[in-house]
PDB file of N, CA and C in Angstrom:
ATOM      1  N   GLN A   1     -19.245   1.067   4.177  1.00  0.00           N
ATOM      2  CA  GLN A   1     -17.933   1.839   4.532  1.00  0.00           C
ATOM      3  C   GLN A   1     -16.984   0.898   4.877  1.00  0.00           C
ATOM      4  N   VAL A   2     -15.860   1.198   4.331  1.00  0.00           N
ATOM      5  CA  VAL A   2     -14.527   0.386   4.544  1.00  0.00           C
ATOM      6  C   VAL A   2     -13.349   0.951   5.239  1.00  0.00           C
ATOM      7  N   GLN A   3     -12.695   0.366   6.090  1.00  0.00           N
ATOM      8  CA  GLN A   3     -11.722   0.972   6.873  1.00  0.00           C
ATOM      9  C   GLN A   3     -10.289   0.568   6.850  1.00  0.00           C
ATOM     10  N   LEU A   4      -9.411   1.327   6.314  1.00  0.00           N
ATOM     11  CA  LEU A   4      -8.155   0.738   6.006  1.00  0.00           C
ATOM     12  C   LEU A   4      -6.963   1.258   6.911  1.00  0.00           C
ATOM     13  N   VAL A   5      -6.446   0.578   7.476  1.00  0.00           N
ATOM     14  CA  VAL A   5      -5.400   0.989   8.613  1.00  0.00           C
ATOM     15  C   VAL A   5      -4.023   0.551   8.426  1.00  0.00           C
ATOM     16  N   GLU A   6      -3.331   1.600   8.219  1.00  0.00           N
ATOM     17  CA  GLU A   6      -1.955   1.455   7.918  1.00  0.00           C
ATOM     18  C   GLU A   6      -0.986   1.237   9.269  1.00  0.00           C
ATOM     19  N   SER A   7       0.033   0.552   9.099  1.00  0.00           N
ATOM     20  CA  SER A   7       0.929   0.520  10.389  1.00  0.00           C
ATOM     21  C   SER A   7       2.358   0.025   9.801  1.00  0.00           C
ATOM     22  N   GLY A   8       3.403   0.216  10.583  1.00  0.00           N
ATOM     23  CA  GLY A   8       4.753  -0.206  10.399  1.00  0.00           C
ATOM     24  C   GLY A   8       5.703   0.668   9.785  1.00  0.00           C
ATOM     25  N   GLY A   9       5.198   1.983   9.924  1.00  0.00           N
ATOM     26  CA  GLY A   9       6.173   3.087   9.400  1.00  0.00           C
ATOM     27  C   GLY A   9       7.010   3.278  10.471  1.00  0.00           C
ATOM     28  N   GLY A  10       7.983   4.261  10.114  1.00  0.00           N
ATOM     29  CA  GLY A  10       8.965   4.317  11.149  1.00  0.00           C
ATOM     30  C   GLY A  10      10.193   5.087  10.584  1.00  0.00           C
ATOM     31  N   SER A  11      11.324   5.334  11.539  1.00  0.00           N
ATOM     32  CA  SER A  11      12.455   6.055  10.640  1.00  0.00           C
ATOM     33  C   SER A  11      13.516   4.791  10.790  1.00  0.00           C
ATOM     34  N   VAL A  12      14.384   4.845   9.728  1.00  0.00           N
ATOM     35  CA  VAL A  12      15.283   3.896   9.364  1.00  0.00           C
ATOM     36  C   VAL A  12      16.475   4.514   8.591  1.00  0.00           C
ATOM     37  N   GLN A  13      17.665   3.802   8.543  1.00  0.00           N
ATOM     38  CA  GLN A  13      18.820   4.331   8.002  1.00  0.00           C
ATOM     39  C   GLN A  13      18.892   3.999   6.361  1.00  0.00           C
ATOM     40  N   PRO A  14      19.429   4.737   5.524  1.00  0.00           N
ATOM     41  CA  PRO A  14      19.453   4.072   4.242  1.00  0.00           C
ATOM     42  C   PRO A  14      19.990   2.808   4.084  1.00  0.00           C
ATOM     43  N   GLY A  15      19.425   2.052   3.109  1.00  0.00           N
ATOM     44  CA  GLY A  15      19.867   0.640   3.177  1.00  0.00           C
ATOM     45  C   GLY A  15      18.923  -0.345   4.006  1.00  0.00           C
ATOM     46  N   GLY A  16      18.266   0.389   4.847  1.00  0.00           N
ATOM     47  CA  GLY A  16      17.514  -0.483   5.829  1.00  0.00           C
ATOM     48  C   GLY A  16      16.115  -1.020   5.104  1.00  0.00           C
ATOM     49  N   SER A  17      15.198  -1.748   5.869  1.00  0.00           N
ATOM     50  CA  SER A  17      14.050  -2.282   5.749  1.00  0.00           C
ATOM     51  C   SER A  17      12.954  -2.064   6.518  1.00  0.00           C
ATOM     52  N   LEU A  18      11.751  -1.937   5.901  1.00  0.00           N
ATOM     53  CA  LEU A  18      10.459  -1.896   6.746  1.00  0.00           C
ATOM     54  C   LEU A  18       9.422  -2.644   6.078  1.00  0.00           C
ATOM     55  N   ARG A  19       8.641  -2.992   7.032  1.00  0.00           N
ATOM     56  CA  ARG A  19       7.212  -3.701   6.441  1.00  0.00           C
ATOM     57  C   ARG A  19       6.210  -3.135   6.989  1.00  0.00           C
ATOM     58  N   LEU A  20       5.324  -2.390   5.724  1.00  0.00           N
ATOM     59  CA  LEU A  20       4.141  -1.857   6.131  1.00  0.00           C
ATOM     60  C   LEU A  20       2.939  -2.859   6.131  1.00  0.00           C
ATOM     61  N   SER A  21       1.972  -2.556   6.840  1.00  0.00           N
ATOM     62  CA  SER A  21       0.730  -3.384   6.654  1.00  0.00           C
ATOM     63  C   SER A  21      -0.578  -2.536   6.389  1.00  0.00           C
ATOM     64  N   CYS A  22      -1.558  -3.156   5.639  1.00  0.00           N
ATOM     65  CA  CYS A  22      -2.706  -2.222   5.570  1.00  0.00           C
ATOM     66  C   CYS A  22      -3.683  -3.346   5.813  1.00  0.00           C
ATOM     67  N   ALA A  23      -4.527  -3.128   6.913  1.00  0.00           N
ATOM     68  CA  ALA A  23      -5.639  -4.219   7.534  1.00  0.00           C
ATOM     69  C   ALA A  23      -6.967  -3.569   6.892  1.00  0.00           C
ATOM     70  N   VAL A  24      -7.627  -4.210   6.157  1.00  0.00           N
ATOM     71  CA  VAL A  24      -8.690  -3.833   5.723  1.00  0.00           C
ATOM     72  C   VAL A  24      -9.959  -4.482   6.405  1.00  0.00           C
ATOM     73  N   SER A  25     -10.873  -3.673   6.643  1.00  0.00           N
ATOM     74  CA  SER A  25     -12.014  -4.077   7.428  1.00  0.00           C
ATOM     75  C   SER A  25     -13.082  -5.128   6.253  1.00  0.00           C
ATOM     76  N   GLY A  26     -13.537  -6.191   6.834  1.00  0.00           N
ATOM     77  CA  GLY A  26     -14.131  -7.051   6.040  1.00  0.00           C
ATOM     78  C   GLY A  26     -13.354  -7.803   5.088  1.00  0.00           C
ATOM     79  N   ASN A  27     -14.233  -8.345   4.086  1.00  0.00           N
ATOM     80  CA  ASN A  27     -13.598  -9.230   3.246  1.00  0.00           C
ATOM     81  C   ASN A  27     -12.667  -8.554   2.143  1.00  0.00           C
ATOM     82  N   ILE A  28     -11.519  -8.724   2.174  1.00  0.00           N
ATOM     83  CA  ILE A  28     -10.405  -8.087   1.135  1.00  0.00           C
ATOM     84  C   ILE A  28     -10.858  -8.304  -0.228  1.00  0.00           C
ATOM     85  N   ASN A  29     -11.319  -9.582  -0.418  1.00  0.00           N
ATOM     86  CA  ASN A  29     -11.671  -9.918  -2.072  1.00  0.00           C
ATOM     87  C   ASN A  29     -12.736  -9.221  -2.479  1.00  0.00           C
ATOM     88  N   ARG A  30     -13.517  -8.358  -1.662  1.00  0.00           N
ATOM     89  CA  ARG A  30     -14.403  -7.427  -2.474  1.00  0.00           C
ATOM     90  C   ARG A  30     -13.965  -6.256  -3.203  1.00  0.00           C
ATOM     91  N   PHE A  31     -12.639  -6.050  -3.144  1.00  0.00           N
ATOM     92  CA  PHE A  31     -11.984  -4.912  -3.775  1.00  0.00           C
ATOM     93  C   PHE A  31     -11.056  -5.505  -4.937  1.00  0.00           C
ATOM     94  N   LEU A  32     -11.307  -4.770  -6.162  1.00  0.00           N
ATOM     95  CA  LEU A  32     -10.423  -5.249  -7.402  1.00  0.00           C
ATOM     96  C   LEU A  32      -9.025  -5.280  -7.369  1.00  0.00           C
ATOM     97  N   ALA A  33      -8.438  -4.159  -6.365  1.00  0.00           N
ATOM     98  CA  ALA A  33      -7.313  -4.316  -6.119  1.00  0.00           C
ATOM     99  C   ALA A  33      -7.061  -3.277  -4.976  1.00  0.00           C
ATOM    100  N   ILE A  34      -5.726  -3.619  -4.270  1.00  0.00           N
ATOM    101  CA  ILE A  34      -5.402  -2.801  -3.182  1.00  0.00           C
ATOM    102  C   ILE A  34      -4.097  -2.143  -3.352  1.00  0.00           C
ATOM    103  N   ASN A  35      -3.713  -0.875  -3.224  1.00  0.00           N
ATOM    104  CA  ASN A  35      -2.676  -0.088  -3.896  1.00  0.00           C
ATOM    105  C   ASN A  35      -2.007   0.479  -2.538  1.00  0.00           C
ATOM    106  N   TRP A  36      -0.725   0.809  -2.754  1.00  0.00           N
ATOM    107  CA  TRP A  36       0.256   1.438  -1.922  1.00  0.00           C
ATOM    108  C   TRP A  36       0.462   2.825  -2.659  1.00  0.00           C
ATOM    109  N   TYR A  37       0.209   3.850  -2.091  1.00  0.00           N
ATOM    110  CA  TYR A  37       0.607   5.059  -2.568  1.00  0.00           C
ATOM    111  C   TYR A  37       1.683   5.916  -1.618  1.00  0.00           C
ATOM    112  N   ARG A  38       2.351   6.664  -2.205  1.00  0.00           N
ATOM    113  CA  ARG A  38       3.163   7.708  -1.216  1.00  0.00           C
ATOM    114  C   ARG A  38       3.122   9.056  -1.490  1.00  0.00           C
ATOM    115  N   GLN A  39       3.550   9.839  -0.404  1.00  0.00           N
ATOM    116  CA  GLN A  39       3.186  11.432  -0.695  1.00  0.00           C
ATOM    117  C   GLN A  39       4.329  12.084  -0.063  1.00  0.00           C
ATOM    118  N   ALA A  40       5.419  12.531  -0.781  1.00  0.00           N
ATOM    119  CA  ALA A  40       6.491  13.447  -0.046  1.00  0.00           C
ATOM    120  C   ALA A  40       5.892  14.823   0.233  1.00  0.00           C
ATOM    121  N   PRO A  41       6.591  15.579   1.018  1.00  0.00           N
ATOM    122  CA  PRO A  41       6.018  17.140   1.225  1.00  0.00           C
ATOM    123  C   PRO A  41       6.331  17.856  -0.055  1.00  0.00           C
ATOM    124  N   GLY A  42       5.152  18.605  -0.431  1.00  0.00           N
ATOM    125  CA  GLY A  42       5.158  19.281  -1.675  1.00  0.00           C
ATOM    126  C   GLY A  42       4.961  18.465  -3.058  1.00  0.00           C
ATOM    127  N   GLU A  43       4.892  17.096  -2.874  1.00  0.00           N
ATOM    128  CA  GLU A  43       4.697  16.492  -3.940  1.00  0.00           C
ATOM    129  C   GLU A  43       3.435  15.959  -4.091  1.00  0.00           C
ATOM    130  N   ASP A  44       3.006  15.403  -5.452  1.00  0.00           N
ATOM    131  CA  ASP A  44       1.851  14.680  -5.585  1.00  0.00           C
ATOM    132  C   ASP A  44       1.754  13.230  -4.907  1.00  0.00           C
ATOM    133  N   ARG A  45       0.682  12.613  -4.534  1.00  0.00           N
ATOM    134  CA  ARG A  45       0.667  11.409  -4.203  1.00  0.00           C
ATOM    135  C   ARG A  45       0.723  10.298  -5.332  1.00  0.00           C
ATOM    136  N   LEU A  46       1.805   9.468  -5.226  1.00  0.00           N
ATOM    137  CA  LEU A  46       2.356   8.602  -6.501  1.00  0.00           C
ATOM    138  C   LEU A  46       1.906   7.097  -5.890  1.00  0.00           C
ATOM    139  N   MET A  47       1.435   6.218  -6.960  1.00  0.00           N
ATOM    140  CA  MET A  47       1.207   5.030  -6.710  1.00  0.00           C
ATOM    141  C   MET A  47       2.644   4.126  -6.782  1.00  0.00           C
ATOM    142  N   VAL A  48       2.640   3.571  -5.760  1.00  0.00           N
ATOM    143  CA  VAL A  48       4.292   2.618  -5.549  1.00  0.00           C
ATOM    144  C   VAL A  48       3.855   1.224  -5.823  1.00  0.00           C
ATOM    145  N   ALA A  49       2.673   0.751  -5.505  1.00  0.00           N
ATOM    146  CA  ALA A  49       2.504  -0.722  -5.801  1.00  0.00           C
ATOM    147  C   ALA A  49       1.112  -1.195  -5.915  1.00  0.00           C
ATOM    148  N   ARG A  50       0.725  -2.064  -6.469  1.00  0.00           N
ATOM    149  CA  ARG A  50      -0.627  -2.683  -6.710  1.00  0.00           C
ATOM    150  C   ARG A  50      -0.562  -4.113  -6.618  1.00  0.00           C
ATOM    151  N   ILE A  51      -1.743  -4.604  -6.022  1.00  0.00           N
ATOM    152  CA  ILE A  51      -2.009  -6.150  -6.092  1.00  0.00           C
ATOM    153  C   ILE A  51      -3.378  -6.160  -6.284  1.00  0.00           C
ATOM    154  N   ASN A  52      -3.650  -6.989  -7.455  1.00  0.00           N
ATOM    155  CA  ASN A  52      -5.111  -7.228  -7.685  1.00  0.00           C
ATOM    156  C   ASN A  52      -5.885  -8.470  -6.920  1.00  0.00           C
ATOM    157  N   ARG A  53      -7.067  -8.697  -7.228  1.00  0.00           N
ATOM    158  CA  ARG A  53      -7.736  -9.569  -6.563  1.00  0.00           C
ATOM    159  C   ARG A  53      -7.011 -11.071  -6.841  1.00  0.00           C
ATOM    160  N   GLY A  54      -6.723 -11.205  -8.091  1.00  0.00           N
ATOM    161  CA  GLY A  54      -6.186 -12.432  -8.431  1.00  0.00           C
ATOM    162  C   GLY A  54      -4.672 -12.490  -8.155  1.00  0.00           C
ATOM    163  N   GLY A  55      -4.066 -11.687  -7.292  1.00  0.00           N
ATOM    164  CA  GLY A  55      -2.708 -11.554  -6.979  1.00  0.00           C
ATOM    165  C   GLY A  55      -1.713 -11.030  -7.877  1.00  0.00           C
ATOM    166  N   GLY A  56      -1.942 -10.588  -9.145  1.00  0.00           N
ATOM    167  CA  GLY A  56      -1.184  -9.891  -9.946  1.00  0.00           C
ATOM    168  C   GLY A  56      -0.483  -8.590  -9.288  1.00  0.00           C
ATOM    169  N   THR A  57       0.752  -8.102  -9.647  1.00  0.00           N
ATOM    170  CA  THR A  57       1.372  -7.025  -9.032  1.00  0.00           C
ATOM    171  C   THR A  57       1.664  -6.312  -9.997  1.00  0.00           C
ATOM    172  N   ASN A  58       1.817  -5.015  -9.734  1.00  0.00           N
ATOM    173  CA  ASN A  58       2.570  -3.792 -10.174  1.00  0.00           C
ATOM    174  C   ASN A  58       3.363  -2.904  -9.498  1.00  0.00           C
ATOM    175  N   TYR A  59       4.432  -2.430  -9.976  1.00  0.00           N
ATOM    176  CA  TYR A  59       5.245  -1.644  -9.315  1.00  0.00           C
ATOM    177  C   TYR A  59       5.515  -0.321  -9.878  1.00  0.00           C
ATOM    178  N   ALA A  60       5.907   0.864  -9.343  1.00  0.00           N
ATOM    179  CA  ALA A  60       6.540   1.966 -10.011  1.00  0.00           C
ATOM    180  C   ALA A  60       7.843   1.473 -10.275  1.00  0.00           C
ATOM    181  N   ASP A  61       8.449   2.375 -11.240  1.00  0.00           N
ATOM    182  CA  ASP A  61       9.715   1.876 -11.508  1.00  0.00           C
ATOM    183  C   ASP A  61      10.880   2.389 -10.485  1.00  0.00           C
ATOM    184  N   SER A  62      10.688   3.085  -9.662  1.00  0.00           N
ATOM    185  CA  SER A  62      11.552   3.450  -8.705  1.00  0.00           C
ATOM    186  C   SER A  62      11.691   2.575  -7.680  1.00  0.00           C
ATOM    187  N   VAL A  63      10.570   1.640  -7.509  1.00  0.00           N
ATOM    188  CA  VAL A  63      10.787   0.622  -6.363  1.00  0.00           C
ATOM    189  C   VAL A  63      10.996  -0.680  -6.902  1.00  0.00           C
ATOM    190  N   LYS A  64      10.976  -0.912  -8.056  1.00  0.00           N
ATOM    191  CA  LYS A  64      11.053  -2.186  -8.721  1.00  0.00           C
ATOM    192  C   LYS A  64      12.240  -2.782  -8.198  1.00  0.00           C
ATOM    193  N   GLY A  65      12.213  -4.206  -7.665  1.00  0.00           N
ATOM    194  CA  GLY A  65      13.357  -4.947  -7.287  1.00  0.00           C
ATOM    195  C   GLY A  65      13.944  -4.622  -5.726  1.00  0.00           C
ATOM    196  N   ARG A  66      13.007  -3.678  -4.927  1.00  0.00           N
ATOM    197  CA  ARG A  66      13.399  -3.359  -3.705  1.00  0.00           C
ATOM    198  C   ARG A  66      12.104  -3.454  -3.011  1.00  0.00           C
ATOM    199  N   PHE A  67      10.717  -3.173  -3.480  1.00  0.00           N
ATOM    200  CA  PHE A  67       9.626  -3.384  -2.650  1.00  0.00           C
ATOM    201  C   PHE A  67       8.898  -4.478  -3.332  1.00  0.00           C
ATOM    202  N   THR A  68       8.121  -5.280  -2.207  1.00  0.00           N
ATOM    203  CA  THR A  68       7.337  -6.181  -2.683  1.00  0.00           C
ATOM    204  C   THR A  68       6.022  -6.368  -2.219  1.00  0.00           C
ATOM    205  N   ILE A  69       4.894  -6.175  -2.826  1.00  0.00           N
ATOM    206  CA  ILE A  69       3.467  -6.188  -2.218  1.00  0.00           C
ATOM    207  C   ILE A  69       3.091  -7.575  -2.161  1.00  0.00           C
ATOM    208  N   SER A  70       2.446  -7.867  -0.985  1.00  0.00           N
ATOM    209  CA  SER A  70       1.800  -9.090  -1.126  1.00  0.00           C
ATOM    210  C   SER A  70       0.400  -9.266  -0.181  1.00  0.00           C
ATOM    211  N   ARG A  71      -0.400 -10.181  -0.181  1.00  0.00           N
ATOM    212  CA  ARG A  71      -1.729 -10.085   0.587  1.00  0.00           C
ATOM    213  C   ARG A  71      -1.838 -11.385   1.184  1.00  0.00           C
ATOM    214  N   ASP A  72      -2.483 -11.330   2.325  1.00  0.00           N
ATOM    215  CA  ASP A  72      -2.913 -12.461   3.210  1.00  0.00           C
ATOM    216  C   ASP A  72      -4.649 -12.414   3.204  1.00  0.00           C
ATOM    217  N   ASN A  73      -5.311 -13.125   2.332  1.00  0.00           N
ATOM    218  CA  ASN A  73      -6.739 -13.120   2.651  1.00  0.00           C
ATOM    219  C   ASN A  73      -7.210 -13.475   3.530  1.00  0.00           C
ATOM    220  N   ALA A  74      -6.730 -14.457   4.340  1.00  0.00           N
ATOM    221  CA  ALA A  74      -7.391 -14.864   5.727  1.00  0.00           C
ATOM    222  C   ALA A  74      -7.230 -13.757   6.613  1.00  0.00           C
ATOM    223  N   LYS A  75      -6.264 -12.842   6.633  1.00  0.00           N
ATOM    224  CA  LYS A  75      -5.955 -11.796   7.428  1.00  0.00           C
ATOM    225  C   LYS A  75      -6.590 -10.447   6.929  1.00  0.00           C
ATOM    226  N   ASP A  76      -7.243 -10.437   5.828  1.00  0.00           N
ATOM    227  CA  ASP A  76      -7.635  -9.255   5.145  1.00  0.00           C
ATOM    228  C   ASP A  76      -6.502  -8.104   5.339  1.00  0.00           C
ATOM    229  N   THR A  77      -5.312  -8.534   5.074  1.00  0.00           N
ATOM    230  CA  THR A  77      -4.283  -7.631   5.146  1.00  0.00           C
ATOM    231  C   THR A  77      -3.309  -7.626   3.842  1.00  0.00           C
ATOM    232  N   VAL A  78      -2.600  -6.518   3.543  1.00  0.00           N
ATOM    233  CA  VAL A  78      -1.846  -6.202   2.316  1.00  0.00           C
ATOM    234  C   VAL A  78      -0.693  -5.715   2.978  1.00  0.00           C
ATOM    235  N   TYR A  79       0.462  -6.183   2.686  1.00  0.00           N
ATOM    236  CA  TYR A  79       1.903  -5.811   3.083  1.00  0.00           C
ATOM    237  C   TYR A  79       2.610  -5.159   2.016  1.00  0.00           C
ATOM    238  N   LEU A  80       3.415  -4.325   2.421  1.00  0.00           N
ATOM    239  CA  LEU A  80       4.632  -3.881   1.486  1.00  0.00           C
ATOM    240  C   LEU A  80       5.921  -3.891   2.182  1.00  0.00           C
ATOM    241  N   GLN A  81       6.573  -5.072   1.744  1.00  0.00           N
ATOM    242  CA  GLN A  81       7.862  -5.189   2.232  1.00  0.00           C
ATOM    243  C   GLN A  81       8.848  -4.261   1.367  1.00  0.00           C
ATOM    244  N   MET A  82       9.477  -3.279   2.191  1.00  0.00           N
ATOM    245  CA  MET A  82      10.528  -2.579   1.653  1.00  0.00           C
ATOM    246  C   MET A  82      12.053  -2.718   1.962  1.00  0.00           C
ATOM    247  N   HIS A  83      12.834  -2.909   1.080  1.00  0.00           N
ATOM    248  CA  HIS A  83      14.277  -3.215   1.157  1.00  0.00           C
ATOM    249  C   HIS A  83      15.180  -2.012   0.674  1.00  0.00           C
ATOM    250  N   SER A  84      16.527  -1.994   1.108  1.00  0.00           N
ATOM    251  CA  SER A  84      17.346  -1.137   0.219  1.00  0.00           C
ATOM    252  C   SER A  84      16.645   0.406   0.273  1.00  0.00           C
ATOM    253  N   LEU A  85      16.273   0.815   1.442  1.00  0.00           N
ATOM    254  CA  LEU A  85      15.496   2.066   1.516  1.00  0.00           C
ATOM    255  C   LEU A  85      16.536   3.219   1.280  1.00  0.00           C
ATOM    256  N   LYS A  86      16.055   4.136   0.431  1.00  0.00           N
ATOM    257  CA  LYS A  86      16.802   5.326   0.136  1.00  0.00           C
ATOM    258  C   LYS A  86      16.111   6.554   0.733  1.00  0.00           C
ATOM    259  N   PRO A  87      16.889   7.622   0.987  1.00  0.00           N
ATOM    260  CA  PRO A  87      16.156   8.956   1.355  1.00  0.00           C
ATOM    261  C   PRO A  87      14.888   9.179   0.644  1.00  0.00           C
ATOM    262  N   GLU A  88      15.087   9.172  -0.687  1.00  0.00           N
ATOM    263  CA  GLU A  88      14.064   9.636  -1.453  1.00  0.00           C
ATOM    264  C   GLU A  88      12.682   8.663  -1.428  1.00  0.00           C
ATOM    265  N   ASP A  89      12.755   7.511  -0.600  1.00  0.00           N
ATOM    266  CA  ASP A  89      11.564   7.019  -0.206  1.00  0.00           C
ATOM    267  C   ASP A  89      10.763   7.471   0.873  1.00  0.00           C
ATOM    268  N   THR A  90      11.320   8.793   1.361  1.00  0.00           N
ATOM    269  CA  THR A  90      10.663   9.240   2.739  1.00  0.00           C
ATOM    270  C   THR A  90       9.514   9.771   2.088  1.00  0.00           C
ATOM    271  N   ALA A  91       8.430   9.468   2.727  1.00  0.00           N
ATOM    272  CA  ALA A  91       7.042   9.889   2.476  1.00  0.00           C
ATOM    273  C   ALA A  91       6.120   9.373   3.433  1.00  0.00           C
ATOM    274  N   VAL A  92       4.740   9.746   3.264  1.00  0.00           N
ATOM    275  CA  VAL A  92       3.676   9.219   3.969  1.00  0.00           C
ATOM    276  C   VAL A  92       3.211   8.220   3.001  1.00  0.00           C
ATOM    277  N   TYR A  93       2.708   7.050   3.510  1.00  0.00           N
ATOM    278  CA  TYR A  93       2.627   5.915   2.747  1.00  0.00           C
ATOM    279  C   TYR A  93       1.012   5.449   2.864  1.00  0.00           C
ATOM    280  N   TYR A  94       0.307   5.537   2.040  1.00  0.00           N
ATOM    281  CA  TYR A  94      -1.149   5.384   2.129  1.00  0.00           C
ATOM    282  C   TYR A  94      -1.606   4.189   1.329  1.00  0.00           C
ATOM    283  N   CYS A  95      -2.445   3.416   2.117  1.00  0.00           N
ATOM    284  CA  CYS A  95      -3.251   2.247   1.528  1.00  0.00           C
ATOM    285  C   CYS A  95      -4.377   2.678   0.697  1.00  0.00           C
ATOM    286  N   ASN A  96      -4.800   2.203  -0.439  1.00  0.00           N
ATOM    287  CA  ASN A  96      -6.183   2.454  -1.015  1.00  0.00           C
ATOM    288  C   ASN A  96      -6.723   1.261  -1.529  1.00  0.00           C
ATOM    289  N   ALA A  97      -8.024   1.011  -1.237  1.00  0.00           N
ATOM    290  CA  ALA A  97      -8.842   0.059  -1.824  1.00  0.00           C
ATOM    291  C   ALA A  97      -9.750   0.499  -3.135  1.00  0.00           C
ATOM    292  N   MET A  98      -9.379  -0.187  -4.359  1.00  0.00           N
ATOM    293  CA  MET A  98      -9.784   0.350  -5.578  1.00  0.00           C
ATOM    294  C   MET A  98     -10.770  -0.562  -5.937  1.00  0.00           C
ATOM    295  N   GLY A  99     -11.877  -0.164  -6.617  1.00  0.00           N
ATOM    296  CA  GLY A  99     -13.049  -0.973  -7.243  1.00  0.00           C
ATOM    297  C   GLY A  99     -13.641  -2.312  -6.293  1.00  0.00           C
ATOM    298  N   PHE A 100     -15.046  -2.101  -6.547  1.00  0.00           N
ATOM    299  CA  PHE A 100     -15.658  -2.926  -5.507  1.00  0.00           C
ATOM    300  C   PHE A 100     -16.519  -3.759  -6.176  1.00  0.00           C
ATOM    301  N   GLN A 101     -16.547  -5.119  -5.719  1.00  0.00           N
ATOM    302  CA  GLN A 101     -17.429  -5.979  -6.367  1.00  0.00           C
ATOM    303  C   GLN A 101     -17.808  -7.035  -5.440  1.00  0.00           C
ATOM    304  N   SER A 102     -19.117  -7.360  -5.067  1.00  0.00           N
ATOM    305  CA  SER A 102     -19.530  -8.390  -4.103  1.00  0.00           C
ATOM    306  C   SER A 102     -20.890  -8.569  -4.382  1.00  0.00           C
ATOM    307  N   GLY A 103     -21.117  -9.762  -4.961  1.00  0.00           N
ATOM    308  CA  GLY A 103     -22.420 -10.315  -5.319  1.00  0.00           C
ATOM    309  C   GLY A 103     -22.781  -9.569  -6.517  1.00  0.00           C
ATOM    310  N   ALA A 104     -24.060  -8.975  -6.473  1.00  0.00           N
ATOM    311  CA  ALA A 104     -24.552  -8.210  -7.662  1.00  0.00           C
ATOM    312  C   ALA A 104     -23.895  -6.674  -7.639  1.00  0.00           C
ATOM    313  N   GLN A 105     -23.234  -6.340  -6.555  1.00  0.00           N
ATOM    314  CA  GLN A 105     -22.719  -5.030  -6.401  1.00  0.00           C
ATOM    315  C   GLN A 105     -21.332  -4.867  -7.245  1.00  0.00           C
ATOM    316  N   TYR A 106     -21.499  -3.969  -8.189  1.00  0.00           N
ATOM    317  CA  TYR A 106     -20.109  -3.680  -8.715  1.00  0.00           C
ATOM    318  C   TYR A 106     -20.109  -2.230  -8.880  1.00  0.00           C
ATOM    319  N   ASP A 107     -18.931  -1.653  -8.460  1.00  0.00           N
ATOM    320  CA  ASP A 107     -18.393  -0.377  -8.575  1.00  0.00           C
ATOM    321  C   ASP A 107     -17.125  -0.122  -8.929  1.00  0.00           C
ATOM    322  N   PRO A 108     -16.692   0.070 -10.240  1.00  0.00           N
ATOM    323  CA  PRO A 108     -15.278   0.127 -10.591  1.00  0.00           C
ATOM    324  C   PRO A 108     -14.744   1.713 -10.031  1.00  0.00           C
ATOM    325  N   THR A 109     -15.596   2.264  -9.834  1.00  0.00           N
ATOM    326  CA  THR A 109     -14.945   3.824  -9.593  1.00  0.00           C
ATOM    327  C   THR A 109     -14.725   4.043  -8.028  1.00  0.00           C
ATOM    328  N   PHE A 110     -15.038   2.896  -7.094  1.00  0.00           N
ATOM    329  CA  PHE A 110     -14.798   2.887  -5.644  1.00  0.00           C
ATOM    330  C   PHE A 110     -13.506   3.120  -5.290  1.00  0.00           C
ATOM    331  N   SER A 111     -13.314   3.886  -4.377  1.00  0.00           N
ATOM    332  CA  SER A 111     -11.954   4.231  -3.931  1.00  0.00           C
ATOM    333  C   SER A 111     -12.013   4.545  -2.371  1.00  0.00           C
ATOM    334  N   SER A 112     -11.172   4.105  -1.560  1.00  0.00           N
ATOM    335  CA  SER A 112     -11.084   4.349  -0.119  1.00  0.00           C
ATOM    336  C   SER A 112      -9.622   4.303   0.399  1.00  0.00           C
ATOM    337  N   TRP A 113      -9.412   5.157   1.262  1.00  0.00           N
ATOM    338  CA  TRP A 113      -8.060   5.581   1.608  1.00  0.00           C
ATOM    339  C   TRP A 113      -7.808   5.332   3.120  1.00  0.00           C
ATOM    340  N   GLY A 114      -6.696   4.915   3.465  1.00  0.00           N
ATOM    341  CA  GLY A 114      -6.221   4.820   4.818  1.00  0.00           C
ATOM    342  C   GLY A 114      -5.809   6.370   5.307  1.00  0.00           C
ATOM    343  N   GLN A 115      -5.402   6.395   6.648  1.00  0.00           N
ATOM    344  CA  GLN A 115      -4.797   7.662   7.193  1.00  0.00           C
ATOM    345  C   GLN A 115      -3.335   7.855   6.944  1.00  0.00           C
ATOM    346  N   GLY A 116      -2.655   6.722   6.505  1.00  0.00           N
ATOM    347  CA  GLY A 116      -1.263   7.138   6.072  1.00  0.00           C
ATOM    348  C   GLY A 116      -0.394   6.666   7.344  1.00  0.00           C
ATOM    349  N   THR A 117       0.800   6.190   6.946  1.00  0.00           N
ATOM    350  CA  THR A 117       1.826   5.937   7.895  1.00  0.00           C
ATOM    351  C   THR A 117       3.171   6.583   7.404  1.00  0.00           C
ATOM    352  N   GLN A 118       3.913   7.332   8.340  1.00  0.00           N
ATOM    353  CA  GLN A 118       5.141   7.940   7.840  1.00  0.00           C
ATOM    354  C   GLN A 118       6.430   7.026   7.697  1.00  0.00           C
ATOM    355  N   VAL A 119       7.190   7.207   6.631  1.00  0.00           N
ATOM    356  CA  VAL A 119       8.487   6.534   6.501  1.00  0.00           C
ATOM    357  C   VAL A 119       9.423   7.518   6.399  1.00  0.00           C
ATOM    358  N   THR A 120      10.390   7.456   7.109  1.00  0.00           N
ATOM    359  CA  THR A 120      11.374   8.608   6.991  1.00  0.00           C
ATOM    360  C   THR A 120      13.025   7.449   7.010  1.00  0.00           C
ATOM    361  N   VAL A 121      13.639   8.090   5.955  1.00  0.00           N
ATOM    362  CA  VAL A 121      14.711   7.324   5.734  1.00  0.00           C
ATOM    363  C   VAL A 121      15.978   8.400   5.622  1.00  0.00           C
ATOM    364  N   SER A 122      16.605   8.429   6.569  1.00  0.00           N
ATOM    365  CA  SER A 122      17.764   9.262   6.925  1.00  0.00           C
ATOM    366  C   SER A 122      19.036   8.574   7.873  1.00  0.00           C
ATOM    367  N   SER A 123      20.017   9.147   7.373  1.00  0.00           N
ATOM    368  CA  SER A 123      21.252   8.837   8.172  1.00  0.00           C
ATOM    369  C   SER A 123      21.602   9.970   9.418  1.00  0.00           C
TER     370      SER A 123
END
C-alpha cells in the first residue's frame, strides 16, 4: 500500500505562484511515473504534468511554460511549481503514482492517488 500526500495548495491572485508537493511513502523509484492531475468542479480529472522514473517530463498544453514538475528522490517527493497562475487553473490537484516495478514485481496497471489539494486563483 502506498500513500501519497499532497500539500502546498491555497489561494493566490492571478499571476501568482504556488508550489505543490507530493510526498510518497517508501521508495519513489518503485513507480514508473508520478503524475499531477487536476479536477475543476463539474469537469473531468485531467493530467497536468508527468515525470517518469528517468526524469523525463510531459505537460498538458494548457500549462506548458508555466508549470514545472520535478522530483527529489532522496526525499521521495515530487513537486509542481506553478507560475503565472490563471483563474482557469483553479481546481483540486491530485498526485498519482502510476506503474509499479520493484525487484521481480512488475505491474504497469498500478495506480494510486492522493487526497488532493485545493488551488484557487482569484482576484
